[in-house]
Protein backbone atom coordinates (compact mmCIF):
# COMPACT_ATOMS: atom_id res chain seq x y z
CA MET A 1 4.73 26.41 93.05
CA ALA A 2 7.32 26.97 90.34
CA SER A 3 7.01 23.37 89.14
CA ALA A 4 3.21 23.56 89.00
CA ALA A 5 3.21 26.91 87.18
CA TYR A 6 5.71 25.70 84.58
CA LEU A 7 3.93 22.38 83.93
CA VAL A 8 0.54 24.10 83.68
CA GLY A 9 2.01 26.52 81.15
CA VAL A 10 3.45 23.70 79.03
CA ALA A 11 0.14 21.80 79.21
CA ARG A 12 -1.81 24.88 78.06
CA LEU A 13 0.48 25.28 75.06
CA ARG A 14 -0.01 21.65 74.08
CA ARG A 15 -3.79 21.95 74.38
CA ARG A 16 -3.58 24.84 71.91
CA GLY A 17 -1.64 22.65 69.52
CA GLU A 18 1.67 24.46 70.08
CA LYS A 19 4.95 22.75 70.86
CA TRP A 20 7.35 23.54 73.67
CA PRO A 21 10.90 22.10 73.39
CA LEU A 22 11.37 19.15 75.72
CA ARG A 23 14.98 20.19 76.37
CA ARG A 24 13.76 23.40 78.00
CA THR A 25 11.44 21.52 80.34
CA ILE A 26 14.24 19.11 81.23
CA GLY A 27 16.61 22.02 81.78
CA PHE A 28 14.15 23.83 84.04
CA PHE A 29 13.78 20.84 86.33
CA ALA A 30 17.11 18.99 86.01
CA LEU A 31 19.34 22.09 86.06
CA GLY A 32 17.19 24.45 88.14
CA LEU A 33 14.63 23.06 90.57
CA LEU A 34 16.29 19.70 91.22
CA PRO A 35 19.61 21.30 92.33
CA TYR A 36 17.60 23.77 94.41
CA ALA A 37 15.83 20.92 96.17
CA ALA A 38 19.13 19.10 96.73
CA ILE A 39 20.68 22.25 98.22
CA GLU A 40 17.77 23.28 100.45
CA LEU A 41 16.72 19.80 101.58
CA GLY A 42 20.14 18.17 101.77
CA PHE A 43 23.44 18.37 103.57
CA LEU A 44 24.23 22.02 102.80
CA ALA A 45 21.02 23.36 104.32
CA VAL A 46 21.04 20.94 107.27
CA PHE A 47 24.53 22.00 108.38
CA SER A 48 24.39 25.56 107.06
CA ALA A 49 24.14 27.08 110.54
CA GLU A 50 27.01 25.00 111.97
CA LEU A 51 29.54 24.82 109.14
CA ARG A 52 30.91 27.91 107.41
CA TRP A 53 31.81 26.04 104.25
CA ALA A 54 28.31 24.53 103.99
CA PHE A 55 26.76 27.99 104.38
CA SER A 56 29.04 29.66 101.85
CA THR A 57 28.65 26.81 99.35
CA ARG A 58 24.88 26.95 99.73
CA ILE A 59 24.68 30.71 99.13
CA ALA A 60 27.10 30.59 96.21
CA LEU A 61 25.15 27.81 94.48
CA LEU A 62 21.82 29.55 95.10
CA ILE A 63 22.95 32.79 93.48
CA PHE A 64 25.10 31.30 90.71
CA ALA A 65 23.99 27.80 89.70
CA VAL A 66 20.25 27.65 90.46
CA PRO A 67 19.22 30.83 88.56
CA ALA A 68 21.27 29.77 85.53
CA GLY A 69 19.57 26.36 85.55
CA ILE A 70 16.09 27.87 85.87
CA ALA A 71 16.86 30.31 83.05
CA ALA A 72 17.73 27.34 80.82
CA GLY A 73 14.01 26.50 80.87
CA ARG A 74 13.23 29.94 79.36
CA PRO A 75 10.28 30.69 81.70
CA LEU A 76 9.89 34.22 80.28
CA ASP A 77 9.45 32.83 76.77
CA LEU A 78 6.86 30.39 78.08
CA ALA A 79 4.93 33.17 79.83
CA ALA A 80 5.09 35.35 76.70
CA ARG A 81 3.60 32.61 74.55
CA LEU A 82 0.78 32.22 77.06
CA GLY A 83 -0.29 35.83 76.61
CA ALA A 84 1.94 37.74 79.02
CA GLY A 85 4.22 39.08 76.29
CA ALA A 86 3.07 42.71 76.61
CA VAL A 87 3.62 42.72 80.37
CA ILE A 88 7.05 41.12 80.02
CA GLU A 89 8.07 43.64 77.37
CA ARG A 90 7.06 46.54 79.64
CA VAL A 91 9.00 45.04 82.53
CA LEU A 92 12.08 44.43 80.38
CA ALA A 93 11.86 47.96 78.99
CA SER A 94 11.77 49.51 82.46
CA ARG A 95 14.84 51.30 83.72
CA VAL A 96 15.22 49.03 86.77
CA THR A 97 15.27 45.88 84.65
CA ARG A 98 17.69 47.35 82.13
CA ILE A 99 20.01 48.27 84.99
CA PHE A 100 19.94 44.85 86.63
CA GLY A 101 19.91 42.99 83.32
CA ASN A 102 23.52 43.67 82.40
CA ALA A 103 26.88 42.26 83.41
CA MET A 104 28.02 45.57 84.93
CA VAL A 105 25.54 45.44 87.80
CA ALA A 106 25.89 41.66 88.04
CA THR A 107 29.62 42.10 88.63
CA VAL A 108 28.99 44.57 91.46
CA VAL A 109 26.25 42.48 93.09
CA ILE A 110 28.24 39.25 92.93
CA ALA A 111 31.35 40.97 94.29
CA ALA A 112 29.27 42.45 97.15
CA VAL A 113 27.80 39.05 98.03
CA SER A 114 31.24 37.44 97.94
CA CYS A 115 32.76 40.17 100.11
CA LEU A 116 29.97 39.65 102.63
CA PHE A 117 31.72 36.46 103.73
CA LEU A 118 34.70 38.57 104.82
CA THR A 119 32.65 40.39 107.50
CA PRO A 120 31.09 39.37 110.83
CA LEU A 121 27.68 39.86 109.18
CA ALA A 122 28.13 36.49 107.48
CA GLY A 123 28.21 34.81 110.87
CA ILE A 124 25.09 36.66 112.03
CA LEU A 125 23.19 35.63 108.91
CA ARG A 126 24.34 32.05 109.34
CA VAL A 127 23.30 31.51 112.97
CA ASN A 128 19.99 33.43 112.88
CA PRO A 129 17.40 30.74 112.04
CA VAL A 130 14.84 33.11 110.49
CA VAL A 131 17.33 34.94 108.30
CA GLU A 132 19.18 31.75 107.41
CA ALA A 133 15.95 30.12 106.23
CA SER A 134 14.76 33.18 104.28
CA LEU A 135 18.03 33.25 102.33
CA GLY A 136 16.86 30.11 100.57
CA VAL A 137 14.17 32.20 98.84
CA VAL A 138 15.76 35.64 98.63
CA VAL A 139 19.13 34.64 97.19
CA PRO A 140 17.81 32.68 94.16
CA LEU A 141 15.38 35.53 93.39
CA VAL A 142 18.29 37.98 93.34
CA GLY A 143 20.14 35.69 90.95
CA LEU A 144 17.07 35.35 88.71
CA ALA A 145 16.64 39.15 88.67
CA MET A 146 20.06 39.35 87.01
CA VAL A 147 20.10 36.24 84.82
CA LEU A 148 16.61 36.31 83.25
CA PRO A 149 16.84 39.92 81.94
CA MET A 150 20.40 39.26 80.79
CA MET A 151 19.10 36.48 78.54
CA ALA A 152 16.12 38.48 77.26
CA LEU A 153 17.63 41.93 76.65
CA GLY A 154 19.65 41.09 73.56
CA ALA A 155 17.43 43.22 71.34
CA VAL A 156 17.49 46.17 73.73
CA HIS A 157 21.23 46.65 74.18
CA THR A 158 23.50 47.62 71.31
CA GLY A 159 26.46 45.58 70.18
CA THR A 160 28.87 48.09 71.71
CA PHE A 161 27.13 47.88 75.09
CA ILE A 162 27.28 44.07 75.03
CA ALA A 163 30.96 44.22 74.10
CA ILE A 164 31.59 46.32 77.22
CA GLU A 165 29.61 43.80 79.26
CA PHE A 166 31.74 41.00 77.81
CA LEU A 167 34.92 42.74 78.91
CA LEU A 168 33.51 43.34 82.39
CA ALA A 169 32.60 39.67 82.66
CA PHE A 170 36.27 38.82 82.14
CA VAL A 171 37.18 41.36 84.82
CA GLU A 172 34.69 39.62 87.09
CA LEU A 173 36.74 36.43 86.76
CA LEU A 174 39.50 38.22 88.67
CA ILE A 175 37.22 40.05 91.13
CA ASP A 176 35.38 36.88 92.16
CA SER A 177 38.61 35.19 93.19
CA VAL A 178 39.55 37.87 95.74
CA PRO A 179 37.06 37.05 98.59
CA GLY A 180 37.76 33.33 98.37
CA LEU A 181 41.50 33.89 98.39
CA LEU A 182 41.29 36.23 101.37
CA LEU A 183 39.25 33.71 103.35
CA ARG A 184 41.67 30.96 102.42
CA LEU A 185 44.81 32.91 103.34
CA ASN A 186 43.45 34.57 106.49
CA ASP A 187 44.76 33.01 109.71
CA SER A 188 42.08 34.56 111.92
CA VAL A 189 38.36 33.81 111.96
CA VAL A 190 36.50 36.74 110.41
CA ASP A 191 32.89 36.05 111.41
CA LEU A 192 33.63 36.00 115.19
CA ILE A 193 31.19 33.10 115.76
CA PRO A 194 32.45 30.38 118.12
CA ASP A 195 32.63 26.76 117.07
CA ALA A 196 29.47 24.68 117.03
CA VAL A 197 29.44 21.46 119.01
CA GLN A 198 31.50 18.95 117.07
CA THR A 199 29.06 16.07 116.82
CA MET A 200 30.93 14.33 114.00
CA SER A 201 34.46 12.97 113.93
CA TRP A 202 35.13 14.69 110.61
CA TRP A 203 34.05 18.11 111.94
CA PRO A 204 36.70 20.70 110.90
CA SER A 205 38.23 23.23 113.24
CA THR A 206 37.05 26.84 113.05
CA LEU A 207 39.97 28.02 110.96
CA HIS A 208 39.91 25.00 108.67
CA ASP A 209 36.18 25.51 108.24
CA GLN A 210 36.82 29.07 107.09
CA HIS A 211 39.54 27.93 104.69
CA LEU A 212 37.17 25.38 103.17
CA ALA A 213 34.56 28.14 102.78
CA GLY A 214 37.09 30.26 100.89
CA ASP A 215 37.95 27.34 98.62
CA MET A 216 34.29 26.72 97.76
CA ILE A 217 33.49 30.40 97.13
CA TRP A 218 36.49 30.72 94.86
CA PHE A 219 35.72 27.57 92.86
CA ILE A 220 31.97 28.14 92.45
CA ALA A 221 32.30 31.83 91.58
CA GLU A 222 34.91 31.15 88.92
CA PHE A 223 33.03 28.18 87.46
CA ALA A 224 29.70 30.06 87.41
CA ASP A 225 31.14 32.86 85.25
CA VAL A 226 31.30 30.48 82.29
CA PRO A 227 27.52 30.41 81.55
CA ILE A 228 27.39 34.20 81.90
CA LEU A 229 30.08 34.52 79.25
CA VAL A 230 28.14 32.12 77.03
CA ILE A 231 24.93 34.16 77.48
CA LEU A 232 26.75 37.38 76.60
CA LEU A 233 28.33 35.75 73.55
CA VAL A 234 24.94 34.53 72.30
CA ARG A 235 23.43 37.99 72.89
CA TRP A 236 26.30 39.61 71.04
CA MET A 237 25.85 37.33 68.02
CA ARG A 238 22.06 37.86 68.04
CA THR A 239 22.35 41.65 68.29
CA ASP A 240 24.96 41.74 65.55
CA ARG A 241 22.68 39.71 63.29
CA VAL A 242 19.73 42.05 63.94
CA GLU A 243 21.84 45.16 63.32
CA ALA A 244 23.26 43.69 60.10
CA GLN A 245 19.75 42.86 58.89
CA GLY A 246 18.68 46.46 59.57
CA PHE A 247 21.54 47.77 57.41
CA ASP A 248 20.73 45.31 54.62
CA GLU A 249 17.15 46.59 54.44
CA LEU A 250 18.31 50.17 53.75
CA SER A 251 18.30 51.47 50.21
CA ASP A 252 21.48 52.91 48.70
CA GLU A 253 20.15 56.45 49.16
CA GLU A 254 19.21 55.82 52.83
CA TYR A 255 22.60 54.25 53.51
CA ASP A 256 24.43 57.20 51.93
CA GLU A 257 22.35 59.67 53.93
CA MET A 258 23.05 57.75 57.15
CA THR A 259 26.78 57.77 56.37
CA ARG A 260 26.77 61.53 55.74
CA ALA A 261 24.83 62.13 58.96
CA HIS A 262 27.36 60.03 60.86
CA LEU A 263 30.27 62.00 59.39
CA ARG A 264 28.54 65.26 60.36
CA GLY A 265 28.26 63.98 63.94
CA GLU A 266 24.47 63.74 63.92
CA ARG A 267 22.68 61.09 65.99
């Protein structure tokens, strides 16, 4: 459905004589939907219920890597050019979107998801077939709810706000490592789920399986913070350019009045 909607949108633009960058289309499929298909139709999904490290790797990639790849295709920009710009602007201007579309909430959500692997609930989610299958849809949508607004809200947030987000993103580098380290260093199984039948000779033991899960969570979480930092840096530069242009358009009298108002403490 996502592939069809994106391709139809690109085709409609071309019929109108407008161009859509090929790199965005390639990014949408090669970095977003293709990895999603490989995750959900490949080894990680097949053995997700039996192997802890396959389950944790699958969830981490779905919430970190897949949304970032889909966002590279700029689907919101495509929808806006097809006539949905007013709707998208209203959604982006809503309080819910502005809350989720910043690195502060993203840090909390990602930390909560990572800490989930330290509880028995992770085992319940892994072995329940209905829940385990639904995670393949819910988890990427949660990631998209954070990544897409984060890329589009550069004109809404001020430079100071983005600077705070940038600092929190660096803090997240430390926070994300904690759950993976705890899983790796823990000598007892935390999800309380017994071993699956070891049908393969390479099948790890329960404790080794948990240690591998901790390694994968740690690595993916740390690696996935890099594109978030890049997005925030681009937003910071864009916002700074817009604010500088606004100051340049002021007359000398308007600039002096704004300076006096600032010194008087007026807003």
